[in-house]
Amino acid sequence: ISAQHDLDRVIELTEHFRIPTAVCINKYDINVKIAEAIERKTNERDLKVIGRIAYDTAVTKAQLAAKSIVEYSNNGPKEQIVLLWESILDMLNTKEIK
């Protein structure tokens, strides 16, 4: 529910200031119903979900090691974050963001 409320606030803010917006769902696999509700909301607002990052204990381990997940791991969330970054770059280069 917090994620949905946060999304509502961010959408309201970015629409008000006409800031290009895309969505990434963090820990999408913890509560599939909430992730689906977020996807529905983004579709209703004509926004694009450009990434989904699964929950992984490696993120906590990376934090404890004072490293980013990209530095700490070679799979799982790192791969998802790299794909997310590539999507962001593609959208910026093509002005695809709403």
PDB file of N, CA and C in Angstrom:
ATOM      1  N   ILE A   1       0.828  -1.188   0.000  1.00  0.00           N
ATOM      2  CA  ILE A   1       0.000   0.000   0.000  1.00  0.00           C
ATOM      3  C   ILE A   1       0.873   1.251   0.000  1.00  0.00           C
ATOM      4  N   SER A   2       1.972   1.211   0.724  1.00  0.00           N
ATOM      5  CA  SER A   2       2.886   2.348   0.726  1.00  0.00           C
ATOM      6  C   SER A   2       3.399   2.627  -0.682  1.00  0.00           C
ATOM      7  N   ALA A   3       3.729   1.559  -1.407  1.00  0.00           N
ATOM      8  CA  ALA A   3       4.236   1.730  -2.780  1.00  0.00           C
ATOM      9  C   ALA A   3       3.195   2.403  -3.664  1.00  0.00           C
ATOM     10  N   GLN A   4       1.937   2.011  -3.511  1.00  0.00           N
ATOM     11  CA  GLN A   4       0.872   2.615  -4.320  1.00  0.00           C
ATOM     12  C   GLN A   4       0.702   4.090  -3.965  1.00  0.00           C
ATOM     13  N   HIS A   5       0.744   4.394  -2.682  1.00  0.00           N
ATOM     14  CA  HIS A   5       0.604   5.784  -2.243  1.00  0.00           C
ATOM     15  C   HIS A   5       1.782   6.619  -2.754  1.00  0.00           C
ATOM     16  N   ASP A   6       2.981   6.068  -2.642  1.00  0.00           N
ATOM     17  CA  ASP A   6       4.165   6.776  -3.147  1.00  0.00           C
ATOM     18  C   ASP A   6       4.046   7.027  -4.646  1.00  0.00           C
ATOM     19  N   LEU A   7       3.575   6.024  -5.384  1.00  0.00           N
ATOM     20  CA  LEU A   7       3.402   6.179  -6.830  1.00  0.00           C
ATOM     21  C   LEU A   7       2.402   7.292  -7.135  1.00  0.00           C
ATOM     22  N   ASP A   8       1.285   7.314  -6.414  1.00  0.00           N
ATOM     23  CA  ASP A   8       0.287   8.370  -6.621  1.00  0.00           C
ATOM     24  C   ASP A   8       0.911   9.754  -6.428  1.00  0.00           C
ATOM     25  N   ARG A   9       1.689   9.903  -5.374  1.00  0.00           N
ATOM     26  CA  ARG A   9       2.317  11.195  -5.082  1.00  0.00           C
ATOM     27  C   ARG A   9       3.316  11.583  -6.163  1.00  0.00           C
ATOM     28  N   VAL A  10       4.116  10.626  -6.606  1.00  0.00           N
ATOM     29  CA  VAL A  10       5.110  10.923  -7.640  1.00  0.00           C
ATOM     30  C   VAL A  10       4.430  11.270  -8.959  1.00  0.00           C
ATOM     31  N   ILE A  11       3.393  10.514  -9.327  1.00  0.00           N
ATOM     32  CA  ILE A  11       2.672  10.804 -10.574  1.00  0.00           C
ATOM     33  C   ILE A  11       2.060  12.200 -10.515  1.00  0.00           C
ATOM     34  N   GLU A  12       1.432  12.522  -9.397  1.00  0.00           N
ATOM     35  CA  GLU A  12       0.830  13.850  -9.245  1.00  0.00           C
ATOM     36  C   GLU A  12       1.888  14.946  -9.399  1.00  0.00           C
ATOM     37  N   LEU A  13       3.018  14.758  -8.769  1.00  0.00           N
ATOM     38  CA  LEU A  13       4.092  15.747  -8.824  1.00  0.00           C
ATOM     39  C   LEU A  13       4.672  15.869 -10.232  1.00  0.00           C
ATOM     40  N   THR A  14       4.960  14.741 -10.869  1.00  0.00           N
ATOM     41  CA  THR A  14       5.571  14.802 -12.201  1.00  0.00           C
ATOM     42  C   THR A  14       4.596  15.319 -13.251  1.00  0.00           C
ATOM     43  N   GLU A  15       3.313  15.012 -13.093  1.00  0.00           N
ATOM     44  CA  GLU A  15       2.323  15.570 -14.022  1.00  0.00           C
ATOM     45  C   GLU A  15       2.211  17.079 -13.836  1.00  0.00           C
ATOM     46  N   HIS A  16       2.201  17.522 -12.581  1.00  0.00           N
ATOM     47  CA  HIS A  16       2.081  18.954 -12.300  1.00  0.00           C
ATOM     48  C   HIS A  16       3.226  19.742 -12.947  1.00  0.00           C
ATOM     49  N   PHE A  17       4.439  19.222 -12.823  1.00  0.00           N
ATOM     50  CA  PHE A  17       5.608  19.917 -13.361  1.00  0.00           C
ATOM     51  C   PHE A  17       5.990  19.447 -14.764  1.00  0.00           C
ATOM     52  N   ARG A  18       5.154  18.591 -15.327  1.00  0.00           N
ATOM     53  CA  ARG A  18       5.373  18.055 -16.685  1.00  0.00           C
ATOM     54  C   ARG A  18       6.763  17.441 -16.835  1.00  0.00           C
ATOM     55  N   ILE A  19       7.110  16.607 -15.860  1.00  0.00           N
ATOM     56  CA  ILE A  19       8.396  15.914 -15.864  1.00  0.00           C
ATOM     57  C   ILE A  19       8.202  14.544 -16.508  1.00  0.00           C
ATOM     58  N   PRO A  20       9.040  14.194 -17.474  1.00  0.00           N
ATOM     59  CA  PRO A  20       8.936  12.859 -18.076  1.00  0.00           C
ATOM     60  C   PRO A  20       9.032  11.777 -16.998  1.00  0.00           C
ATOM     61  N   THR A  21       8.196  10.751 -17.119  1.00  0.00           N
ATOM     62  CA  THR A  21       8.073   9.760 -16.053  1.00  0.00           C
ATOM     63  C   THR A  21       8.036   8.347 -16.599  1.00  0.00           C
ATOM     64  N   ALA A  22       8.740   7.466 -15.923  1.00  0.00           N
ATOM     65  CA  ALA A  22       8.682   6.031 -16.177  1.00  0.00           C
ATOM     66  C   ALA A  22       8.705   5.353 -14.809  1.00  0.00           C
ATOM     67  N   VAL A  23       8.321   4.089 -14.757  1.00  0.00           N
ATOM     68  CA  VAL A  23       8.156   3.400 -13.481  1.00  0.00           C
ATOM     69  C   VAL A  23       8.998   2.133 -13.439  1.00  0.00           C
ATOM     70  N   CYS A  24       9.598   1.892 -12.280  1.00  0.00           N
ATOM     71  CA  CYS A  24      10.269   0.630 -11.984  1.00  0.00           C
ATOM     72  C   CYS A  24       9.651   0.091 -10.701  1.00  0.00           C
ATOM     73  N   ILE A  25       9.274  -1.169 -10.704  1.00  0.00           N
ATOM     74  CA  ILE A  25       8.666  -1.777  -9.520  1.00  0.00           C
ATOM     75  C   ILE A  25       9.746  -2.558  -8.773  1.00  0.00           C
ATOM     76  N   ASN A  26      10.086  -2.074  -7.588  1.00  0.00           N
ATOM     77  CA  ASN A  26      11.090  -2.723  -6.751  1.00  0.00           C
ATOM     78  C   ASN A  26      10.428  -3.810  -5.901  1.00  0.00           C
ATOM     79  N   LYS A  27      11.108  -4.925  -5.720  1.00  0.00           N
ATOM     80  CA  LYS A  27      10.615  -6.061  -4.925  1.00  0.00           C
ATOM     81  C   LYS A  27       9.239  -6.505  -5.410  1.00  0.00           C
ATOM     82  N   TYR A  28       9.056  -6.514  -6.722  1.00  0.00           N
ATOM     83  CA  TYR A  28       7.756  -6.825  -7.313  1.00  0.00           C
ATOM     84  C   TYR A  28       7.254  -8.213  -6.943  1.00  0.00           C
ATOM     85  N   ASP A  29       8.144  -9.104  -6.622  1.00  0.00           N
ATOM     86  CA  ASP A  29       7.759 -10.487  -6.366  1.00  0.00           C
ATOM     87  C   ASP A  29       7.308 -10.743  -4.930  1.00  0.00           C
ATOM     88  N   ILE A  30       7.429  -9.760  -4.054  1.00  0.00           N
ATOM     89  CA  ILE A  30       7.008  -9.955  -2.665  1.00  0.00           C
ATOM     90  C   ILE A  30       5.490  -9.943  -2.552  1.00  0.00           C
ATOM     91  N   ASN A  31       4.840  -9.017  -3.253  1.00  0.00           N
ATOM     92  CA  ASN A  31       3.377  -8.952  -3.238  1.00  0.00           C
ATOM     93  C   ASN A  31       2.906  -8.730  -4.674  1.00  0.00           C
ATOM     94  N   VAL A  32       2.587  -9.820  -5.333  1.00  0.00           N
ATOM     95  CA  VAL A  32       2.227  -9.781  -6.749  1.00  0.00           C
ATOM     96  C   VAL A  32       0.974  -8.941  -6.981  1.00  0.00           C
ATOM     97  N   LYS A  33       0.011  -8.992  -6.058  1.00  0.00           N
ATOM     98  CA  LYS A  33      -1.225  -8.212  -6.238  1.00  0.00           C
ATOM     99  C   LYS A  33      -0.929  -6.713  -6.257  1.00  0.00           C
ATOM    100  N   ILE A  34      -0.056  -6.270  -5.385  1.00  0.00           N
ATOM    101  CA  ILE A  34       0.294  -4.844  -5.372  1.00  0.00           C
ATOM    102  C   ILE A  34       1.068  -4.487  -6.637  1.00  0.00           C
ATOM    103  N   ALA A  35       1.977  -5.361  -7.056  1.00  0.00           N
ATOM    104  CA  ALA A  35       2.724  -5.106  -8.297  1.00  0.00           C
ATOM    105  C   ALA A  35       1.765  -5.002  -9.482  1.00  0.00           C
ATOM    106  N   GLU A  36       0.771  -5.879  -9.529  1.00  0.00           N
ATOM    107  CA  GLU A  36      -0.220  -5.823 -10.615  1.00  0.00           C
ATOM    108  C   GLU A  36      -1.042  -4.545 -10.541  1.00  0.00           C
ATOM    109  N   ALA A  37      -1.390  -4.115  -9.334  1.00  0.00           N
ATOM    110  CA  ALA A  37      -2.149  -2.865  -9.171  1.00  0.00           C
ATOM    111  C   ALA A  37      -1.316  -1.671  -9.636  1.00  0.00           C
ATOM    112  N   ILE A  38      -0.038  -1.692  -9.344  1.00  0.00           N
ATOM    113  CA  ILE A  38       0.851  -0.621  -9.802  1.00  0.00           C
ATOM    114  C   ILE A  38       0.904  -0.612 -11.322  1.00  0.00           C
ATOM    115  N   GLU A  39       1.009  -1.784 -11.926  1.00  0.00           N
ATOM    116  CA  GLU A  39       1.041  -1.860 -13.394  1.00  0.00           C
ATOM    117  C   GLU A  39      -0.264  -1.346 -13.999  1.00  0.00           C
ATOM    118  N   ARG A  40      -1.395  -1.699 -13.388  1.00  0.00           N
ATOM    119  CA  ARG A  40      -2.687  -1.197 -13.890  1.00  0.00           C
ATOM    120  C   ARG A  40      -2.733   0.324 -13.812  1.00  0.00           C
ATOM    121  N   LYS A  41      -2.287   0.857 -12.681  1.00  0.00           N
ATOM    122  CA  LYS A  41      -2.314   2.313 -12.502  1.00  0.00           C
ATOM    123  C   LYS A  41      -1.420   3.001 -13.530  1.00  0.00           C
ATOM    124  N   THR A  42      -0.244   2.453 -13.777  1.00  0.00           N
ATOM    125  CA  THR A  42       0.638   3.075 -14.763  1.00  0.00           C
ATOM    126  C   THR A  42       0.021   3.007 -16.154  1.00  0.00           C
ATOM    127  N   ASN A  43      -0.642   1.900 -16.470  1.00  0.00           N
ATOM    128  CA  ASN A  43      -1.320   1.788 -17.771  1.00  0.00           C
ATOM    129  C   ASN A  43      -2.446   2.805 -17.890  1.00  0.00           C
ATOM    130  N   GLU A  44      -3.226   2.967 -16.810  1.00  0.00           N
ATOM    131  CA  GLU A  44      -4.331   3.934 -16.818  1.00  0.00           C
ATOM    132  C   GLU A  44      -3.815   5.357 -17.037  1.00  0.00           C
ATOM    133  N   ARG A  45      -2.626   5.650 -16.521  1.00  0.00           N
ATOM    134  CA  ARG A  45      -2.051   6.992 -16.645  1.00  0.00           C
ATOM    135  C   ARG A  45      -1.151   7.114 -17.869  1.00  0.00           C
ATOM    136  N   ASP A  46      -1.153   6.090 -18.690  1.00  0.00           N
ATOM    137  CA  ASP A  46      -0.351   6.055 -19.919  1.00  0.00           C
ATOM    138  C   ASP A  46       1.142   6.212 -19.626  1.00  0.00           C
ATOM    139  N   LEU A  47       1.574   5.575 -18.541  1.00  0.00           N
ATOM    140  CA  LEU A  47       2.989   5.544 -18.189  1.00  0.00           C
ATOM    141  C   LEU A  47       3.534   4.157 -18.499  1.00  0.00           C
ATOM    142  N   LYS A  48       4.842   4.059 -18.583  1.00  0.00           N
ATOM    143  CA  LYS A  48       5.471   2.799 -18.957  1.00  0.00           C
ATOM    144  C   LYS A  48       6.255   2.223 -17.778  1.00  0.00           C
ATOM    145  N   VAL A  49       6.034   0.935 -17.500  1.00  0.00           N
ATOM    146  CA  VAL A  49       6.866   0.227 -16.530  1.00  0.00           C
ATOM    147  C   VAL A  49       8.106  -0.234 -17.289  1.00  0.00           C
ATOM    148  N   ILE A  50       9.247   0.305 -16.922  1.00  0.00           N
ATOM    149  CA  ILE A  50      10.472  -0.027 -17.660  1.00  0.00           C
ATOM    150  C   ILE A  50      11.361  -1.016 -16.914  1.00  0.00           C
ATOM    151  N   GLY A  51      10.945  -1.393 -15.711  1.00  0.00           N
ATOM    152  CA  GLY A  51      11.750  -2.363 -14.975  1.00  0.00           C
ATOM    153  C   GLY A  51      10.992  -2.975 -13.825  1.00  0.00           C
ATOM    154  N   ARG A  52      11.436  -4.172 -13.471  1.00  0.00           N
ATOM    155  CA  ARG A  52      10.915  -4.889 -12.314  1.00  0.00           C
ATOM    156  C   ARG A  52      12.122  -5.513 -11.630  1.00  0.00           C
ATOM    157  N   ILE A  53      12.319  -5.179 -10.377  1.00  0.00           N
ATOM    158  CA  ILE A  53      13.464  -5.708  -9.646  1.00  0.00           C
ATOM    159  C   ILE A  53      12.951  -6.640  -8.556  1.00  0.00           C
ATOM    160  N   ALA A  54      13.409  -7.879  -8.595  1.00  0.00           N
ATOM    161  CA  ALA A  54      12.983  -8.887  -7.622  1.00  0.00           C
ATOM    162  C   ALA A  54      13.698  -8.671  -6.286  1.00  0.00           C
ATOM    163  N   TYR A  55      13.044  -9.128  -5.227  1.00  0.00           N
ATOM    164  CA  TYR A  55      13.678  -9.106  -3.908  1.00  0.00           C
ATOM    165  C   TYR A  55      14.839 -10.092  -3.918  1.00  0.00           C
ATOM    166  N   ASP A  56      15.951  -9.694  -3.335  1.00  0.00           N
ATOM    167  CA  ASP A  56      17.108 -10.581  -3.261  1.00  0.00           C
ATOM    168  C   ASP A  56      17.925 -10.203  -2.036  1.00  0.00           C
ATOM    169  N   THR A  57      18.270 -11.187  -1.220  1.00  0.00           N
ATOM    170  CA  THR A  57      19.057 -10.914  -0.014  1.00  0.00           C
ATOM    171  C   THR A  57      20.451 -10.388  -0.347  1.00  0.00           C
ATOM    172  N   ALA A  58      20.893 -10.564  -1.582  1.00  0.00           N
ATOM    173  CA  ALA A  58      22.198 -10.036  -1.988  1.00  0.00           C
ATOM    174  C   ALA A  58      22.243  -8.515  -1.853  1.00  0.00           C
ATOM    175  N   VAL A  59      21.095  -7.857  -1.975  1.00  0.00           N
ATOM    176  CA  VAL A  59      21.060  -6.394  -1.834  1.00  0.00           C
ATOM    177  C   VAL A  59      21.456  -6.005  -0.408  1.00  0.00           C
ATOM    178  N   THR A  60      20.898  -6.692   0.581  1.00  0.00           N
ATOM    179  CA  THR A  60      21.248  -6.423   1.976  1.00  0.00           C
ATOM    180  C   THR A  60      22.715  -6.740   2.229  1.00  0.00           C
ATOM    181  N   LYS A  61      23.181  -7.850   1.676  1.00  0.00           N
ATOM    182  CA  LYS A  61      24.594  -8.221   1.840  1.00  0.00           C
ATOM    183  C   LYS A  61      25.506  -7.166   1.220  1.00  0.00           C
ATOM    184  N   ALA A  62      25.111  -6.633   0.088  1.00  0.00           N
ATOM    185  CA  ALA A  62      25.899  -5.573  -0.550  1.00  0.00           C
ATOM    186  C   ALA A  62      25.930  -4.331   0.335  1.00  0.00           C
ATOM    187  N   GLN A  63      24.779  -3.982   0.910  1.00  0.00           N
ATOM    188  CA  GLN A  63      24.731  -2.819   1.799  1.00  0.00           C
ATOM    189  C   GLN A  63      25.656  -3.016   2.999  1.00  0.00           C
ATOM    190  N   LEU A  64      25.625  -4.220   3.581  1.00  0.00           N
ATOM    191  CA  LEU A  64      26.486  -4.505   4.732  1.00  0.00           C
ATOM    192  C   LEU A  64      27.970  -4.444   4.354  1.00  0.00           C
ATOM    193  N   ALA A  65      28.264  -4.743   3.099  1.00  0.00           N
ATOM    194  CA  ALA A  65      29.640  -4.671   2.604  1.00  0.00           C
ATOM    195  C   ALA A  65      29.990  -3.272   2.095  1.00  0.00           C
ATOM    196  N   ALA A  66      29.049  -2.326   2.250  1.00  0.00           N
ATOM    197  CA  ALA A  66      29.235  -0.936   1.800  1.00  0.00           C
ATOM    198  C   ALA A  66      29.509  -0.859   0.301  1.00  0.00           C
ATOM    199  N   LYS A  67      28.776  -1.682  -0.458  1.00  0.00           N
ATOM    200  CA  LYS A  67      28.896  -1.680  -1.917  1.00  0.00           C
ATOM    201  C   LYS A  67      27.512  -1.589  -2.537  1.00  0.00           C
ATOM    202  N   SER A  68      27.485  -1.129  -3.775  1.00  0.00           N
ATOM    203  CA  SER A  68      26.221  -1.184  -4.514  1.00  0.00           C
ATOM    204  C   SER A  68      26.020  -2.622  -4.982  1.00  0.00           C
ATOM    205  N   ILE A  69      24.799  -2.972  -5.298  1.00  0.00           N
ATOM    206  CA  ILE A  69      24.530  -4.328  -5.774  1.00  0.00           C
ATOM    207  C   ILE A  69      25.251  -4.588  -7.094  1.00  0.00           C
ATOM    208  N   VAL A  70      25.458  -3.558  -7.873  1.00  0.00           N
ATOM    209  CA  VAL A  70      26.156  -3.713  -9.153  1.00  0.00           C
ATOM    210  C   VAL A  70      27.628  -4.075  -8.916  1.00  0.00           C
ATOM    211  N   GLU A  71      28.221  -3.534  -7.853  1.00  0.00           N
ATOM    212  CA  GLU A  71      29.604  -3.877  -7.507  1.00  0.00           C
ATOM    213  C   GLU A  71      29.696  -5.251  -6.840  1.00  0.00           C
ATOM    214  N   TYR A  72      28.657  -5.604  -6.089  1.00  0.00           N
ATOM    215  CA  TYR A  72      28.700  -6.780  -5.214  1.00  0.00           C
ATOM    216  C   TYR A  72      28.388  -8.091  -5.921  1.00  0.00           C
ATOM    217  N   SER A  73      27.476  -8.064  -6.868  1.00  0.00           N
ATOM    218  CA  SER A  73      26.946  -9.300  -7.446  1.00  0.00           C
ATOM    219  C   SER A  73      27.047  -9.270  -8.963  1.00  0.00           C
ATOM    220  N   ASN A  74      27.065 -10.443  -9.557  1.00  0.00           N
ATOM    221  CA  ASN A  74      27.094 -10.528 -11.018  1.00  0.00           C
ATOM    222  C   ASN A  74      25.803 -11.076 -11.601  1.00  0.00           C
ATOM    223  N   ASN A  75      24.787 -11.251 -10.784  1.00  0.00           N
ATOM    224  CA  ASN A  75      23.524 -11.779 -11.306  1.00  0.00           C
ATOM    225  C   ASN A  75      22.353 -11.187 -10.532  1.00  0.00           C
ATOM    226  N   GLY A  76      21.170 -11.750 -10.754  1.00  0.00           N
ATOM    227  CA  GLY A  76      19.975 -11.317 -10.033  1.00  0.00           C
ATOM    228  C   GLY A  76      19.684  -9.845 -10.198  1.00  0.00           C
ATOM    229  N   PRO A  77      19.643  -9.112  -9.079  1.00  0.00           N
ATOM    230  CA  PRO A  77      19.286  -7.695  -9.144  1.00  0.00           C
ATOM    231  C   PRO A  77      20.232  -6.881 -10.019  1.00  0.00           C
ATOM    232  N   LYS A  78      21.502  -7.255 -10.049  1.00  0.00           N
ATOM    233  CA  LYS A  78      22.444  -6.507 -10.890  1.00  0.00           C
ATOM    234  C   LYS A  78      21.984  -6.526 -12.336  1.00  0.00           C
ATOM    235  N   GLU A  79      21.619  -7.704 -12.831  1.00  0.00           N
ATOM    236  CA  GLU A  79      21.164  -7.818 -14.221  1.00  0.00           C
ATOM    237  C   GLU A  79      19.916  -6.976 -14.455  1.00  0.00           C
ATOM    238  N   GLN A  80      18.989  -7.012 -13.493  1.00  0.00           N
ATOM    239  CA  GLN A  80      17.751  -6.247 -13.623  1.00  0.00           C
ATOM    240  C   GLN A  80      18.028  -4.749 -13.609  1.00  0.00           C
ATOM    241  N   ILE A  81      18.966  -4.318 -12.779  1.00  0.00           N
ATOM    242  CA  ILE A  81      19.302  -2.896 -12.698  1.00  0.00           C
ATOM    243  C   ILE A  81      20.025  -2.437 -13.962  1.00  0.00           C
ATOM    244  N   VAL A  82      20.904  -3.267 -14.488  1.00  0.00           N
ATOM    245  CA  VAL A  82      21.594  -2.922 -15.734  1.00  0.00           C
ATOM    246  C   VAL A  82      20.580  -2.789 -16.869  1.00  0.00           C
ATOM    247  N   LEU A  83      19.619  -3.719 -16.947  1.00  0.00           N
ATOM    248  CA  LEU A  83      18.572  -3.626 -17.977  1.00  0.00           C
ATOM    249  C   LEU A  83      17.729  -2.368 -17.785  1.00  0.00           C
ATOM    250  N   LEU A  84      17.419  -2.044 -16.537  1.00  0.00           N
ATOM    251  CA  LEU A  84      16.665  -0.828 -16.233  1.00  0.00           C
ATOM    252  C   LEU A  84      17.437   0.398 -16.721  1.00  0.00           C
ATOM    253  N   TRP A  85      18.721   0.453 -16.416  1.00  0.00           N
ATOM    254  CA  TRP A  85      19.547   1.580 -16.837  1.00  0.00           C
ATOM    255  C   TRP A  85      19.572   1.695 -18.357  1.00  0.00           C
ATOM    256  N   GLU A  86      19.693   0.565 -19.041  1.00  0.00           N
ATOM    257  CA  GLU A  86      19.687   0.586 -20.505  1.00  0.00           C
ATOM    258  C   GLU A  86      18.352   1.108 -21.039  1.00  0.00           C
ATOM    259  N   SER A  87      17.255   0.729 -20.391  1.00  0.00           N
ATOM    260  CA  SER A  87      15.931   1.231 -20.794  1.00  0.00           C
ATOM    261  C   SER A  87      15.834   2.737 -20.602  1.00  0.00           C
ATOM    262  N   ILE A  88      16.367   3.212 -19.487  1.00  0.00           N
ATOM    263  CA  ILE A  88      16.350   4.657 -19.227  1.00  0.00           C
ATOM    264  C   ILE A  88      17.146   5.393 -20.302  1.00  0.00           C
ATOM    265  N   LEU A  89      18.326   4.893 -20.607  1.00  0.00           N
ATOM    266  CA  LEU A  89      19.142   5.535 -21.642  1.00  0.00           C
ATOM    267  C   LEU A  89      18.434   5.525 -22.993  1.00  0.00           C
ATOM    268  N   ASP A  90      17.815   4.397 -23.346  1.00  0.00           N
ATOM    269  CA  ASP A  90      17.069   4.315 -24.608  1.00  0.00           C
ATOM    270  C   ASP A  90      15.950   5.347 -24.643  1.00  0.00           C
ATOM    271  N   MET A  91      15.218   5.457 -23.535  1.00  0.00           N
ATOM    272  CA  MET A  91      14.101   6.394 -23.490  1.00  0.00           C
ATOM    273  C   MET A  91      14.592   7.832 -23.586  1.00  0.00           C
ATOM    274  N   LEU A  92      15.681   8.140 -22.936  1.00  0.00           N
ATOM    275  CA  LEU A  92      16.226   9.495 -23.007  1.00  0.00           C
ATOM    276  C   LEU A  92      16.711   9.820 -24.412  1.00  0.00           C
ATOM    277  N   ASN A  93      17.286   8.846 -25.068  1.00  0.00           N
ATOM    278  CA  ASN A  93      17.799   9.062 -26.423  1.00  0.00           C
ATOM    279  C   ASN A  93      16.695   9.161 -27.463  1.00  0.00           C
ATOM    280  N   THR A  94      15.530   8.562 -27.191  1.00  0.00           N
ATOM    281  CA  THR A  94      14.441   8.589 -28.169  1.00  0.00           C
ATOM    282  C   THR A  94      13.297   9.495 -27.738  1.00  0.00           C
ATOM    283  N   LYS A  95      13.436  10.132 -26.581  1.00  0.00           N
ATOM    284  CA  LYS A  95      12.375  11.002 -26.040  1.00  0.00           C
ATOM    285  C   LYS A  95      11.065  10.231 -25.889  1.00  0.00           C
ATOM    286  N   GLU A  96      11.165   8.955 -25.511  1.00  0.00           N
ATOM    287  CA  GLU A  96      10.006   8.074 -25.415  1.00  0.00           C
ATOM    288  C   GLU A  96       9.235   8.244 -24.111  1.00  0.00           C
ATOM    289  N   ILE A  97       9.821   8.906 -23.135  1.00  0.00           N
ATOM    290  CA  ILE A  97       9.172   9.057 -21.837  1.00  0.00           C
ATOM    291  C   ILE A  97       8.012  10.028 -21.957  1.00  0.00           C
ATOM    292  N   LYS A  98       6.892   9.664 -21.317  1.00  0.00           N
ATOM    293  CA  LYS A  98       5.729  10.562 -21.319  1.00  0.00           C
ATOM    294  C   LYS A  98       5.959  11.668 -20.316  1.00  0.00           C
TER     295      LYS A  98
END
